[in-house]
Amino acid sequence: MSINRKQERAALTFEEWSFIATTHHPELGTLSDQELSAARTRLRAMHAKEQDFTAHKGRVARGTAEPRGASFPGTLERPRFRKQIFAQALRRVNSEVERRAADAAWQAALEAQKAVLAGRRAAAPGRPANSPTARIGPPARAGAPRRGHISGSRVGSTSQQGKRAQAKRDR
């Protein structure tokens, strides 16, 4: 369930509201990393406190606990609603922390890729010269017999014999 700012303002004290207002966008983007960390800690404490109140009110409603003094009047709905407000604020802060971490990781990967590319460009040799070079092949082995020379007329004779044999069968 989405809670708008007007409902938040009505359910919170001025001090709590002024703090929660900083967890909305665009104010959330202007906070430093240290301020985000502090806000996260404070929101967790506020949420835990309201969670305790909600659990106690539930026990009182079921009859398994004694009600607190006059300082905590009302039904279960108010602390539950306040708990939701703090949970949503905590979710926004956590999302911003994750977004910043992902952005930092992306920037680090980008810088690493740029460094690799610069290294490759620096290490790559220039274009080779267009002058022809001799290919001498593997060195000759001592004592190996020379392969015999096959004349060109003999090379084609095998394929010609195959043609003649096929023509004979086709007749």
C-alpha atoms as a PDB file:
ATOM      1  CA  MET A   1       0.000   0.000   0.000  1.00  0.00           C
ATOM      2  CA  SER A   2       1.413   3.331  -1.018  1.00  0.00           C
ATOM      3  CA  ILE A   3       1.377   6.085   1.570  1.00  0.00           C
ATOM      4  CA  ASN A   4       1.447   9.671   0.337  1.00  0.00           C
ATOM      5  CA  ARG A   5       3.310  12.497   2.028  1.00  0.00           C
ATOM      6  CA  LYS A   6       0.182  14.062   3.466  1.00  0.00           C
ATOM      7  CA  GLN A   7      -0.687  10.850   5.304  1.00  0.00           C
ATOM      8  CA  GLU A   8       2.885  10.531   6.530  1.00  0.00           C
ATOM      9  CA  ARG A   9       2.851  14.077   7.834  1.00  0.00           C
ATOM     10  CA  ALA A  10      -0.394  13.427   9.746  1.00  0.00           C
ATOM     11  CA  ALA A  11       0.926  10.243  11.396  1.00  0.00           C
ATOM     12  CA  LEU A  12       4.380  11.484  12.431  1.00  0.00           C
ATOM     13  CA  THR A  13       5.745  14.124  14.760  1.00  0.00           C
ATOM     14  CA  PHE A  14       7.416  17.168  13.244  1.00  0.00           C
ATOM     15  CA  GLU A  15      10.908  15.832  13.981  1.00  0.00           C
ATOM     16  CA  GLU A  16      10.098  12.426  12.475  1.00  0.00           C
ATOM     17  CA  TRP A  17       8.441  13.995   9.443  1.00  0.00           C
ATOM     18  CA  SER A  18      11.348  16.348   8.766  1.00  0.00           C
ATOM     19  CA  PHE A  19      13.655  13.320   8.812  1.00  0.00           C
ATOM     20  CA  ILE A  20      11.373  11.142   6.654  1.00  0.00           C
ATOM     21  CA  ALA A  21      10.980  13.993   4.133  1.00  0.00           C
ATOM     22  CA  THR A  22      14.696  13.692   3.320  1.00  0.00           C
ATOM     23  CA  THR A  23      14.175  10.058   2.270  1.00  0.00           C
ATOM     24  CA  HIS A  24      11.905  11.056  -0.616  1.00  0.00           C
ATOM     25  CA  HIS A  25      13.180  11.889  -4.070  1.00  0.00           C
ATOM     26  CA  PRO A  26      14.805  14.233  -5.101  1.00  0.00           C
ATOM     27  CA  GLU A  27      16.161  15.010  -1.600  1.00  0.00           C
ATOM     28  CA  LEU A  28      17.406  11.433  -1.296  1.00  0.00           C
ATOM     29  CA  GLY A  29      19.789  11.929  -4.207  1.00  0.00           C
ATOM     30  CA  THR A  30      21.452  14.923  -2.541  1.00  0.00           C
ATOM     31  CA  LEU A  31      22.508  12.981   0.591  1.00  0.00           C
ATOM     32  CA  SER A  32      26.118  11.902   0.917  1.00  0.00           C
ATOM     33  CA  ASP A  33      27.068   8.270   1.485  1.00  0.00           C
ATOM     34  CA  GLN A  34      27.703   8.918   5.183  1.00  0.00           C
ATOM     35  CA  GLU A  35      24.330  10.627   5.570  1.00  0.00           C
ATOM     36  CA  LEU A  36      22.654   7.702   3.796  1.00  0.00           C
ATOM     37  CA  SER A  37      24.329   5.246   6.144  1.00  0.00           C
ATOM     38  CA  ALA A  38      23.246   7.273   9.189  1.00  0.00           C
ATOM     39  CA  ALA A  39      19.690   7.535   7.839  1.00  0.00           C
ATOM     40  CA  ARG A  40      19.618   3.792   7.303  1.00  0.00           C
ATOM     41  CA  THR A  41      20.659   3.138  10.897  1.00  0.00           C
ATOM     42  CA  ARG A  42      18.146   5.623  12.295  1.00  0.00           C
ATOM     43  CA  LEU A  43      15.312   4.259  10.162  1.00  0.00           C
ATOM     44  CA  ARG A  44      16.048   0.715  11.291  1.00  0.00           C
ATOM     45  CA  ALA A  45      15.849   1.842  14.914  1.00  0.00           C
ATOM     46  CA  MET A  46      12.588   3.743  14.327  1.00  0.00           C
ATOM     47  CA  HIS A  47      11.088   0.764  12.479  1.00  0.00           C
ATOM     48  CA  ALA A  48      12.143  -1.642  15.254  1.00  0.00           C
ATOM     49  CA  LYS A  49      10.574   0.611  17.892  1.00  0.00           C
ATOM     50  CA  GLU A  50       7.262   0.749  16.037  1.00  0.00           C
ATOM     51  CA  GLN A  51       7.454  -2.994  15.462  1.00  0.00           C
ATOM     52  CA  ASP A  52       7.773  -3.499  19.233  1.00  0.00           C
ATOM     53  CA  PHE A  53       4.785  -1.196  19.853  1.00  0.00           C
ATOM     54  CA  THR A  54       2.739  -3.047  17.233  1.00  0.00           C
ATOM     55  CA  ALA A  55       3.585  -6.437  18.707  1.00  0.00           C
ATOM     56  CA  HIS A  56       2.717  -5.207  22.223  1.00  0.00           C
ATOM     57  CA  LYS A  57      -0.604  -3.733  21.090  1.00  0.00           C
ATOM     58  CA  GLY A  58      -1.433  -7.045  19.405  1.00  0.00           C
ATOM     59  CA  ARG A  59      -0.708  -8.905  22.635  1.00  0.00           C
ATOM     60  CA  VAL A  60      -2.873  -6.450  24.560  1.00  0.00           C
ATOM     61  CA  ALA A  61      -5.716  -6.905  22.068  1.00  0.00           C
ATOM     62  CA  ARG A  62      -5.478 -10.690  22.430  1.00  0.00           C
ATOM     63  CA  GLY A  63      -5.345 -10.375  26.207  1.00  0.00           C
ATOM     64  CA  THR A  64      -1.921 -11.975  26.645  1.00  0.00           C
ATOM     65  CA  ALA A  65      -0.185  -8.815  27.912  1.00  0.00           C
ATOM     66  CA  GLU A  66      -0.923  -5.906  30.240  1.00  0.00           C
ATOM     67  CA  PRO A  67      -1.523  -2.518  28.603  1.00  0.00           C
ATOM     68  CA  ARG A  68       1.156   0.116  28.983  1.00  0.00           C
ATOM     69  CA  GLY A  69       0.639   3.364  30.850  1.00  0.00           C
ATOM     70  CA  ALA A  70      -1.254   6.405  29.602  1.00  0.00           C
ATOM     71  CA  SER A  71       1.688   7.378  27.404  1.00  0.00           C
ATOM     72  CA  PHE A  72       0.673   4.821  24.771  1.00  0.00           C
ATOM     73  CA  PRO A  73      -3.056   5.108  24.097  1.00  0.00           C
ATOM     74  CA  GLY A  74      -4.893   4.103  20.952  1.00  0.00           C
ATOM     75  CA  THR A  75      -5.434   1.033  18.855  1.00  0.00           C
ATOM     76  CA  LEU A  76      -3.155  -1.278  16.936  1.00  0.00           C
ATOM     77  CA  GLU A  77      -3.679   0.635  13.681  1.00  0.00           C
ATOM     78  CA  ARG A  78      -1.582   3.715  14.474  1.00  0.00           C
ATOM     79  CA  PRO A  79       1.712   1.945  15.322  1.00  0.00           C
ATOM     80  CA  ARG A  80       1.169  -0.445  12.400  1.00  0.00           C
ATOM     81  CA  PHE A  81       0.702   2.515  10.037  1.00  0.00           C
ATOM     82  CA  ARG A  82       3.792   4.276  11.417  1.00  0.00           C
ATOM     83  CA  LYS A  83       5.760   1.041  11.028  1.00  0.00           C
ATOM     84  CA  GLN A  84       4.742   0.932   7.362  1.00  0.00           C
ATOM     85  CA  ILE A  85       5.894   4.518   6.892  1.00  0.00           C
ATOM     86  CA  PHE A  86       9.320   3.705   8.344  1.00  0.00           C
ATOM     87  CA  ALA A  87       9.546   0.481   6.311  1.00  0.00           C
ATOM     88  CA  GLN A  88       8.843   2.341   3.068  1.00  0.00           C
ATOM     89  CA  ALA A  89      11.408   5.008   3.932  1.00  0.00           C
ATOM     90  CA  LEU A  90      13.953   2.294   4.714  1.00  0.00           C
ATOM     91  CA  ARG A  91      13.162   0.609   1.380  1.00  0.00           C
ATOM     92  CA  ARG A  92      13.790   3.891  -0.468  1.00  0.00           C
ATOM     93  CA  VAL A  93      17.116   4.425   1.321  1.00  0.00           C
ATOM     94  CA  ASN A  94      18.209   0.824   0.678  1.00  0.00           C
ATOM     95  CA  SER A  95      17.317   1.176  -3.003  1.00  0.00           C
ATOM     96  CA  GLU A  96      19.394   4.341  -3.250  1.00  0.00           C
ATOM     97  CA  VAL A  97      22.369   2.632  -1.562  1.00  0.00           C
ATOM     98  CA  GLU A  98      22.091  -0.317  -3.979  1.00  0.00           C
ATOM     99  CA  ARG A  99      21.754   2.035  -6.954  1.00  0.00           C
ATOM    100  CA  ARG A 100      24.892   3.906  -5.933  1.00  0.00           C
ATOM    101  CA  ALA A 101      26.818   0.656  -5.411  1.00  0.00           C
ATOM    102  CA  ALA A 102      25.745  -0.612  -8.840  1.00  0.00           C
ATOM    103  CA  ASP A 103      26.722   2.721 -10.412  1.00  0.00           C
ATOM    104  CA  ALA A 104      30.142   2.601  -8.734  1.00  0.00           C
ATOM    105  CA  ALA A 105      30.665  -0.991  -9.923  1.00  0.00           C
ATOM    106  CA  TRP A 106      29.677  -0.008 -13.459  1.00  0.00           C
ATOM    107  CA  GLN A 107      32.095   2.939 -13.396  1.00  0.00           C
ATOM    108  CA  ALA A 108      34.898   0.690 -12.111  1.00  0.00           C
ATOM    109  CA  ALA A 109      34.241  -1.856 -14.872  1.00  0.00           C
ATOM    110  CA  LEU A 110      34.201   0.921 -17.458  1.00  0.00           C
ATOM    111  CA  GLU A 111      37.538   2.291 -16.225  1.00  0.00           C
ATOM    112  CA  ALA A 112      39.043  -1.212 -16.276  1.00  0.00           C
ATOM    113  CA  GLN A 113      37.865  -1.737 -19.852  1.00  0.00           C
ATOM    114  CA  LYS A 114      39.329   1.600 -20.897  1.00  0.00           C
ATOM    115  CA  ALA A 115      42.647   0.683 -19.271  1.00  0.00           C
ATOM    116  CA  VAL A 116      42.720  -2.680 -21.074  1.00  0.00           C
ATOM    117  CA  LEU A 117      41.931  -1.021 -24.398  1.00  0.00           C
ATOM    118  CA  ALA A 118      44.648   1.576 -23.905  1.00  0.00           C
ATOM    119  CA  GLY A 119      47.128  -1.189 -23.052  1.00  0.00           C
ATOM    120  CA  ARG A 120      46.206  -3.158 -26.151  1.00  0.00           C
ATOM    121  CA  ARG A 121      46.512  -0.120 -28.357  1.00  0.00           C
ATOM    122  CA  ALA A 122      49.917   0.715 -26.901  1.00  0.00           C
ATOM    123  CA  ALA A 123      51.180  -2.867 -27.270  1.00  0.00           C
ATOM    124  CA  ALA A 124      49.887  -3.421 -30.801  1.00  0.00           C
ATOM    125  CA  PRO A 125      52.665  -3.160 -33.384  1.00  0.00           C
ATOM    126  CA  GLY A 126      52.292  -0.876 -36.349  1.00  0.00           C
ATOM    127  CA  ARG A 127      51.179  -2.143 -39.716  1.00  0.00           C
ATOM    128  CA  PRO A 128      53.754  -4.566 -41.166  1.00  0.00           C
ATOM    129  CA  ALA A 129      55.772  -3.590 -44.212  1.00  0.00           C
ATOM    130  CA  ASN A 130      54.440  -4.688 -47.603  1.00  0.00           C
ATOM    131  CA  SER A 131      57.764  -6.073 -48.783  1.00  0.00           C
ATOM    132  CA  PRO A 132      57.714  -9.729 -49.856  1.00  0.00           C
ATOM    133  CA  THR A 133      59.593 -12.157 -47.671  1.00  0.00           C
ATOM    134  CA  ALA A 134      60.992 -15.570 -48.581  1.00  0.00           C
ATOM    135  CA  ARG A 135      59.353 -18.613 -47.063  1.00  0.00           C
ATOM    136  CA  ILE A 136      62.150 -21.086 -46.635  1.00  0.00           C
ATOM    137  CA  GLY A 137      60.089 -23.832 -45.010  1.00  0.00           C
ATOM    138  CA  PRO A 138      61.283 -26.375 -42.468  1.00  0.00           C
ATOM    139  CA  PRO A 139      64.959 -27.289 -42.396  1.00  0.00           C
ATOM    140  CA  ALA A 140      65.968 -30.497 -44.198  1.00  0.00           C
ATOM    141  CA  ARG A 141      66.643 -33.467 -41.992  1.00  0.00           C
ATOM    142  CA  ALA A 142      70.058 -35.031 -42.345  1.00  0.00           C
ATOM    143  CA  GLY A 143      70.045 -38.586 -43.660  1.00  0.00           C
ATOM    144  CA  ALA A 144      66.413 -38.563 -44.771  1.00  0.00           C
ATOM    145  CA  PRO A 145      65.846 -39.986 -48.221  1.00  0.00           C
ATOM    146  CA  ARG A 146      64.719 -37.563 -50.901  1.00  0.00           C
ATOM    147  CA  ARG A 147      61.238 -37.989 -52.152  1.00  0.00           C
ATOM    148  CA  GLY A 148      61.009 -39.005 -55.752  1.00  0.00           C
ATOM    149  CA  HIS A 149      59.846 -36.580 -58.393  1.00  0.00           C
ATOM    150  CA  ILE A 150      56.480 -37.247 -60.080  1.00  0.00           C
ATOM    151  CA  SER A 151      56.077 -35.742 -63.516  1.00  0.00           C
ATOM    152  CA  GLY A 152      53.052 -33.652 -64.390  1.00  0.00           C
ATOM    153  CA  SER A 153      51.914 -36.113 -67.092  1.00  0.00           C
ATOM    154  CA  ARG A 154      51.703 -38.877 -64.520  1.00  0.00           C
ATOM    155  CA  VAL A 155      49.770 -36.746 -61.978  1.00  0.00           C
ATOM    156  CA  GLY A 156      46.805 -36.316 -64.330  1.00  0.00           C
ATOM    157  CA  SER A 157      46.841 -39.902 -65.589  1.00  0.00           C
ATOM    158  CA  THR A 158      45.031 -41.274 -62.558  1.00  0.00           C
ATOM    159  CA  SER A 159      42.026 -39.046 -63.003  1.00  0.00           C
ATOM    160  CA  GLN A 160      42.002 -39.831 -66.742  1.00  0.00           C
ATOM    161  CA  GLN A 161      41.961 -43.567 -66.013  1.00  0.00           C
ATOM    162  CA  GLY A 162      38.881 -43.034 -63.797  1.00  0.00           C
ATOM    163  CA  LYS A 163      37.104 -41.192 -66.590  1.00  0.00           C
ATOM    164  CA  ARG A 164      37.822 -43.967 -69.119  1.00  0.00           C
ATOM    165  CA  ALA A 165      36.590 -46.698 -66.743  1.00  0.00           C
ATOM    166  CA  GLN A 166      33.346 -44.854 -66.070  1.00  0.00           C
ATOM    167  CA  ALA A 167      32.737 -44.339 -69.813  1.00  0.00           C
ATOM    168  CA  LYS A 168      33.271 -48.043 -70.408  1.00  0.00           C
ATOM    169  CA  ARG A 169      30.656 -48.964 -67.821  1.00  0.00           C
ATOM    170  CA  ASP A 170      28.181 -46.451 -69.184  1.00  0.00           C
ATOM    171  CA  ARG A 171      28.287 -47.936 -72.756  1.00  0.00           C
END
